[in-house]
Amino acid sequence: MTEVEIKLNVHEIGVILSALQLLENRDENHIAREYGSVPALYGKLSLLMDQMDTSETGLRNDVVPSF
């Protein structure tokens, strides 16, 4: 299996987009060699985010980190 479908909410996509923005050049190059283009993934997720309701993406005090 090379593809799966998962449902992500607007907050989860926001986390991934933020993480991609914070990558150092060496990390981005490593990811590109192993898995593919970071800018291409960012673009896909950004397009999805633009189509979603982002009216409630502000700071939420009730969210407990999963790590």
C-alpha atoms as a PDB file:
ATOM      1  CA  MET A   1       0.000   0.000   0.000  1.00  0.00           C
ATOM      2  CA  THR A   2       1.440   3.398  -0.961  1.00  0.00           C
ATOM      3  CA  GLU A   3      -1.495   5.711  -0.196  1.00  0.00           C
ATOM      4  CA  VAL A   4      -4.040   6.115   2.575  1.00  0.00           C
ATOM      5  CA  GLU A   5      -6.870   8.545   3.170  1.00  0.00           C
ATOM      6  CA  ILE A   6      -7.186  10.221   6.545  1.00  0.00           C
ATOM      7  CA  LYS A   7      -9.455  12.940   7.850  1.00  0.00           C
ATOM      8  CA  LEU A   8      -7.703  15.936   9.371  1.00  0.00           C
ATOM      9  CA  ASN A   9      -9.404  18.900  10.964  1.00  0.00           C
ATOM     10  CA  VAL A  10      -8.352  22.488  10.410  1.00  0.00           C
ATOM     11  CA  HIS A  11      -6.229  22.501  13.568  1.00  0.00           C
ATOM     12  CA  GLU A  12      -4.294  19.400  12.566  1.00  0.00           C
ATOM     13  CA  ILE A  13      -3.570  20.785   9.106  1.00  0.00           C
ATOM     14  CA  GLY A  14      -2.453  24.011  10.747  1.00  0.00           C
ATOM     15  CA  VAL A  15       0.002  22.093  12.934  1.00  0.00           C
ATOM     16  CA  ILE A  16       1.493  20.338   9.919  1.00  0.00           C
ATOM     17  CA  LEU A  17       1.756  23.598   7.926  1.00  0.00           C
ATOM     18  CA  SER A  18       3.440  25.313  10.869  1.00  0.00           C
ATOM     19  CA  ALA A  19       5.897  22.451  11.274  1.00  0.00           C
ATOM     20  CA  LEU A  20       6.755  22.541   7.573  1.00  0.00           C
ATOM     21  CA  GLN A  21       7.419  26.285   7.800  1.00  0.00           C
ATOM     22  CA  LEU A  22       9.854  25.758  10.674  1.00  0.00           C
ATOM     23  CA  LEU A  23      12.048  23.200   8.935  1.00  0.00           C
ATOM     24  CA  GLU A  24      15.719  24.025   8.585  1.00  0.00           C
ATOM     25  CA  ASN A  25      17.211  23.771   5.083  1.00  0.00           C
ATOM     26  CA  ARG A  26      19.134  20.597   5.951  1.00  0.00           C
ATOM     27  CA  ASP A  27      15.968  18.954   7.287  1.00  0.00           C
ATOM     28  CA  GLU A  28      14.016  19.952   4.202  1.00  0.00           C
ATOM     29  CA  ASN A  29      16.764  18.500   1.984  1.00  0.00           C
ATOM     30  CA  HIS A  30      16.777  15.253   3.967  1.00  0.00           C
ATOM     31  CA  ILE A  31      13.001  14.930   3.688  1.00  0.00           C
ATOM     32  CA  ALA A  32      13.177  15.666  -0.045  1.00  0.00           C
ATOM     33  CA  ARG A  33      15.714  12.863  -0.571  1.00  0.00           C
ATOM     34  CA  GLU A  34      13.724  10.346   1.449  1.00  0.00           C
ATOM     35  CA  TYR A  35      10.098  11.237   0.712  1.00  0.00           C
ATOM     36  CA  GLY A  36       9.657  14.082  -1.763  1.00  0.00           C
ATOM     37  CA  SER A  37       9.216  17.818  -2.016  1.00  0.00           C
ATOM     38  CA  VAL A  38       8.286  19.721   1.130  1.00  0.00           C
ATOM     39  CA  PRO A  39       7.023  22.749  -0.871  1.00  0.00           C
ATOM     40  CA  ALA A  40       4.727  20.457  -2.895  1.00  0.00           C
ATOM     41  CA  LEU A  41       3.218  18.981   0.285  1.00  0.00           C
ATOM     42  CA  TYR A  42       2.909  22.437   1.813  1.00  0.00           C
ATOM     43  CA  GLY A  43       1.117  23.657  -1.312  1.00  0.00           C
ATOM     44  CA  LYS A  44      -1.386  20.794  -1.252  1.00  0.00           C
ATOM     45  CA  LEU A  45      -2.156  21.280   2.425  1.00  0.00           C
ATOM     46  CA  SER A  46      -2.351  25.045   2.036  1.00  0.00           C
ATOM     47  CA  LEU A  47      -4.921  24.689  -0.759  1.00  0.00           C
ATOM     48  CA  LEU A  48      -7.008  22.417   1.464  1.00  0.00           C
ATOM     49  CA  MET A  49      -6.712  24.855   4.361  1.00  0.00           C
ATOM     50  CA  ASP A  50      -7.943  27.689   2.139  1.00  0.00           C
ATOM     51  CA  GLN A  51     -11.121  25.711   1.476  1.00  0.00           C
ATOM     52  CA  MET A  52     -11.814  24.991   5.155  1.00  0.00           C
ATOM     53  CA  ASP A  53     -13.555  27.030   7.835  1.00  0.00           C
ATOM     54  CA  THR A  54     -10.661  28.643   9.686  1.00  0.00           C
ATOM     55  CA  SER A  55     -12.791  30.959  11.828  1.00  0.00           C
ATOM     56  CA  GLU A  56     -11.889  29.051  14.988  1.00  0.00           C
ATOM     57  CA  THR A  57      -8.163  28.436  14.583  1.00  0.00           C
ATOM     58  CA  GLY A  58      -7.035  30.772  17.358  1.00  0.00           C
ATOM     59  CA  LEU A  59      -5.322  29.749  20.578  1.00  0.00           C
ATOM     60  CA  ARG A  60      -7.316  27.137  22.446  1.00  0.00           C
ATOM     61  CA  ASN A  61      -6.634  26.757  26.153  1.00  0.00           C
ATOM     62  CA  ASP A  62      -8.478  23.436  26.376  1.00  0.00           C
ATOM     63  CA  VAL A  63      -6.073  21.578  24.075  1.00  0.00           C
ATOM     64  CA  VAL A  64      -3.687  19.215  25.812  1.00  0.00           C
ATOM     65  CA  PRO A  65      -0.483  18.410  23.864  1.00  0.00           C
ATOM     66  CA  SER A  66      -0.224  14.801  22.783  1.00  0.00           C
ATOM     67  CA  PHE A  67       3.502  14.605  23.428  1.00  0.00           C
END
